[in-house]
C-alpha atoms as a PDB file:
ATOM      1  CA  MET A   1     -51.752  33.545 160.177  1.00  0.00           C
ATOM      2  CA  LEU A   2     -51.059  30.103 159.154  1.00  0.00           C
ATOM      3  CA  ALA A   3     -47.578  28.396 158.822  1.00  0.00           C
ATOM      4  CA  LYS A   4     -46.834  28.011 155.047  1.00  0.00           C
ATOM      5  CA  THR A   5     -46.954  23.753 155.504  1.00  0.00           C
ATOM      6  CA  ALA A   6     -50.403  24.443 156.376  1.00  0.00           C
ATOM      7  CA  ARG A   7     -51.830  26.705 153.295  1.00  0.00           C
ATOM      8  CA  LEU A   8     -53.589  25.873 150.147  1.00  0.00           C
ATOM      9  CA  THR A   9     -51.131  27.059 147.309  1.00  0.00           C
ATOM     10  CA  GLU A  10     -51.990  25.240 144.537  1.00  0.00           C
ATOM     11  CA  SER A  11     -54.727  26.216 141.605  1.00  0.00           C
ATOM     12  CA  GLY A  12     -55.758  22.165 141.304  1.00  0.00           C
ATOM     13  CA  ASP A  13     -56.098  21.658 145.243  1.00  0.00           C
ATOM     14  CA  PHE A  14     -58.146  24.651 145.058  1.00  0.00           C
ATOM     15  CA  ALA A  15     -60.454  23.054 142.615  1.00  0.00           C
ATOM     16  CA  ARG A  16     -60.193  18.975 144.643  1.00  0.00           C
ATOM     17  CA  ALA A  17     -61.947  20.736 148.030  1.00  0.00           C
ATOM     18  CA  THR A  18     -64.552  23.066 146.035  1.00  0.00           C
ATOM     19  CA  LYS A  19     -65.320  20.281 143.678  1.00  0.00           C
ATOM     20  CA  SER A  20     -65.822  17.445 145.368  1.00  0.00           C
ATOM     21  CA  GLY A  21     -65.327  18.025 148.923  1.00  0.00           C
ATOM     22  CA  ILE A  22     -67.973  18.287 151.153  1.00  0.00           C
ATOM     23  CA  ARG A  23     -69.957  21.453 151.402  1.00  0.00           C
ATOM     24  CA  TYR A  24     -71.711  23.502 154.397  1.00  0.00           C
ATOM     25  CA  THR A  25     -73.305  27.281 154.157  1.00  0.00           C
ATOM     26  CA  SER A  26     -73.779  29.426 156.229  1.00  0.00           C
ATOM     27  CA  THR A  27     -74.884  33.095 156.477  1.00  0.00           C
ATOM     28  CA  ASN A  28     -71.836  35.026 154.872  1.00  0.00           C
ATOM     29  CA  PHE A  29     -69.420  31.832 154.441  1.00  0.00           C
ATOM     30  CA  VAL A  30     -69.168  28.445 152.676  1.00  0.00           C
ATOM     31  CA  GLY A  31     -66.710  25.966 153.685  1.00  0.00           C
ATOM     32  CA  TYR A  32     -65.371  22.993 151.354  1.00  0.00           C
ATOM     33  CA  LEU A  33     -63.788  20.222 152.810  1.00  0.00           C
ATOM     34  CA  TYR A  34     -61.830  17.465 151.573  1.00  0.00           C
ATOM     35  CA  ILE A  35     -60.595  14.171 152.552  1.00  0.00           C
ATOM     36  CA  THR A  36     -57.460  12.561 151.634  1.00  0.00           C
ATOM     37  CA  ASN A  37     -56.239   9.163 152.333  1.00  0.00           C
ATOM     38  CA  ASP A  38     -52.595  10.841 153.386  1.00  0.00           C
ATOM     39  CA  THR A  39     -52.640  11.209 156.450  1.00  0.00           C
ATOM     40  CA  SER A  40     -48.715  12.550 157.363  1.00  0.00           C
ATOM     41  CA  GLU A  41     -49.655  15.081 155.606  1.00  0.00           C
ATOM     42  CA  PRO A  42     -50.739  17.899 157.860  1.00  0.00           C
ATOM     43  CA  ALA A  43     -54.063  19.694 157.394  1.00  0.00           C
ATOM     44  CA  ARG A  44     -54.255  22.433 155.222  1.00  0.00           C
ATOM     45  CA  ALA A  45     -56.549  25.658 154.193  1.00  0.00           C
ATOM     46  CA  GLY A  46     -57.414  28.108 151.435  1.00  0.00           C
ATOM     47  CA  LEU A  47     -59.667  31.108 151.449  1.00  0.00           C
ATOM     48  CA  ILE A  48     -61.623  32.377 148.268  1.00  0.00           C
ATOM     49  CA  ILE A  49     -62.998  36.099 148.524  1.00  0.00           C
ATOM     50  CA  SER A  50     -65.719  37.687 146.869  1.00  0.00           C
ATOM     51  CA  LYS A  51     -65.196  40.569 144.634  1.00  0.00           C
ATOM     52  CA  ALA A  52     -68.421  41.444 146.025  1.00  0.00           C
ATOM     53  CA  VAL A  53     -67.314  41.599 148.960  1.00  0.00           C
ATOM     54  CA  GLY A  54     -65.333  45.038 148.574  1.00  0.00           C
ATOM     55  CA  GLY A  55     -62.410  46.253 147.021  1.00  0.00           C
ATOM     56  CA  SER A  56     -58.549  45.181 148.010  1.00  0.00           C
ATOM     57  CA  VAL A  57     -58.167  47.181 151.170  1.00  0.00           C
ATOM     58  CA  ALA A  58     -61.317  45.453 152.450  1.00  0.00           C
ATOM     59  CA  ARG A  59     -61.142  41.883 150.827  1.00  0.00           C
ATOM     60  CA  HIS A  60     -57.759  41.522 152.413  1.00  0.00           C
ATOM     61  CA  ARG A  61     -58.586  42.830 155.935  1.00  0.00           C
ATOM     62  CA  LEU A  62     -61.630  39.975 155.722  1.00  0.00           C
ATOM     63  CA  ALA A  63     -58.912  37.454 154.537  1.00  0.00           C
ATOM     64  CA  ARG A  64     -56.930  38.234 157.372  1.00  0.00           C
ATOM     65  CA  LYS A  65     -60.152  38.019 159.537  1.00  0.00           C
ATOM     66  CA  ILE A  66     -60.446  34.423 158.683  1.00  0.00           C
ATOM     67  CA  ARG A  67     -56.944  33.343 158.727  1.00  0.00           C
ATOM     68  CA  HIS A  68     -57.223  34.780 161.867  1.00  0.00           C
ATOM     69  CA  CYS A  69     -60.653  32.451 163.020  1.00  0.00           C
ATOM     70  CA  LEU A  70     -58.658  29.196 161.494  1.00  0.00           C
ATOM     71  CA  ARG A  71     -55.403  29.424 163.868  1.00  0.00           C
ATOM     72  CA  ASP A  72     -57.802  28.711 166.432  1.00  0.00           C
ATOM     73  CA  CYS A  73     -59.985  26.341 164.777  1.00  0.00           C
ATOM     74  CA  TYR A  74     -56.847  23.957 161.880  1.00  0.00           C
ATOM     75  CA  THR A  75     -56.782  21.308 165.053  1.00  0.00           C
ATOM     76  CA  GLN A  76     -59.599  19.967 164.496  1.00  0.00           C
ATOM     77  CA  LEU A  77     -59.285  19.267 161.012  1.00  0.00           C
ATOM     78  CA  PRO A  78     -58.439  16.060 159.623  1.00  0.00           C
ATOM     79  CA  HIS A  79     -54.869  14.814 158.552  1.00  0.00           C
ATOM     80  CA  GLY A  80     -54.591  15.649 155.485  1.00  0.00           C
ATOM     81  CA  SER A  81     -57.644  17.229 154.970  1.00  0.00           C
ATOM     82  CA  LEU A  82     -58.136  20.351 152.409  1.00  0.00           C
ATOM     83  CA  LEU A  83     -60.554  23.394 153.596  1.00  0.00           C
ATOM     84  CA  VAL A  84     -61.727  25.856 151.200  1.00  0.00           C
ATOM     85  CA  VAL A  85     -63.201  28.949 152.909  1.00  0.00           C
ATOM     86  CA  ARG A  86     -65.415  31.123 150.768  1.00  0.00           C
ATOM     87  CA  GLY A  87     -66.701  34.494 151.666  1.00  0.00           C
ATOM     88  CA  LEU A  88     -69.339  35.851 150.681  1.00  0.00           C
ATOM     89  CA  ASN A  89     -71.594  39.366 149.798  1.00  0.00           C
ATOM     90  CA  ASN A  90     -71.125  40.781 152.889  1.00  0.00           C
ATOM     91  CA  ALA A  91     -68.751  39.014 154.610  1.00  0.00           C
ATOM     92  CA  ALA A  92     -66.960  42.025 155.496  1.00  0.00           C
ATOM     93  CA  SER A  93     -69.645  42.575 158.130  1.00  0.00           C
ATOM     94  CA  ALA A  94     -70.377  39.542 160.162  1.00  0.00           C
ATOM     95  CA  ASP A  95     -69.280  37.926 162.967  1.00  0.00           C
ATOM     96  CA  CYS A  96     -66.526  35.653 161.809  1.00  0.00           C
ATOM     97  CA  ALA A  97     -65.306  34.106 165.163  1.00  0.00           C
ATOM     98  CA  SER A  98     -68.453  31.802 165.291  1.00  0.00           C
ATOM     99  CA  GLU A  99     -69.205  31.523 162.722  1.00  0.00           C
ATOM    100  CA  ILE A 100     -66.051  30.371 160.182  1.00  0.00           C
ATOM    101  CA  GLN A 101     -65.942  28.087 163.918  1.00  0.00           C
ATOM    102  CA  GLU A 102     -69.268  26.694 163.110  1.00  0.00           C
ATOM    103  CA  VAL A 103     -68.753  26.393 159.539  1.00  0.00           C
ATOM    104  CA  ILE A 104     -65.664  23.997 160.378  1.00  0.00           C
ATOM    105  CA  SER A 105     -67.636  22.577 162.797  1.00  0.00           C
ATOM    106  CA  ASN A 106     -70.135  20.918 160.735  1.00  0.00           C
ATOM    107  CA  LEU A 107     -67.923  19.816 157.720  1.00  0.00           C
ATOM    108  CA  VAL A 108     -66.234  17.640 160.488  1.00  0.00           C
ATOM    109  CA  ARG A 109     -68.737  16.279 161.468  1.00  0.00           C
ATOM    110  CA  LYS A 110     -70.431  15.461 158.142  1.00  0.00           C
ATOM    111  CA  ALA A 111     -67.154  13.606 157.494  1.00  0.00           C
ATOM    112  CA  LYS A 112     -67.340  11.942 160.294  1.00  0.00           C
ATOM    113  CA  GLU A 113     -71.068  10.788 159.288  1.00  0.00           C
ATOM    114  CA  ARG A 114     -69.169   9.480 155.466  1.00  0.00           C
ATOM    115  CA  ALA A 115     -67.136   8.034 157.342  1.00  0.00           C
ATOM    116  CA  VAL A 116     -68.574   5.789 159.459  1.00  0.00           C
ATOM    117  CA  LYS A 117     -71.136   4.663 156.134  1.00  0.00           C
ATOM    118  CA  LYS A 118     -68.547   3.268 154.498  1.00  0.00           C
END
């Protein structure tokens, strides 16, 4: 489980990350990473699970799996960043650990590449 300070809870933060953030798509997940200038805040993460995944039980089971994977990868995120992970149709049967790790590492790599270009 992610700490309360590590969770995205406001719709504006979700919108900022999904509209203006860096995007990386894998087979079953889409990750969005928005880098803020405020490095005093910890990184925060949120989930969006598609209803195409299944019923409420299946969506909540997937959300718990993703949160568990995020807990292990959370330290890789830059301070003050906003991360949103979107679970797609077949995500319930996916290997969450490796795929979430892939999404986060690619998002962080892209963010570092963009920071070097500026």
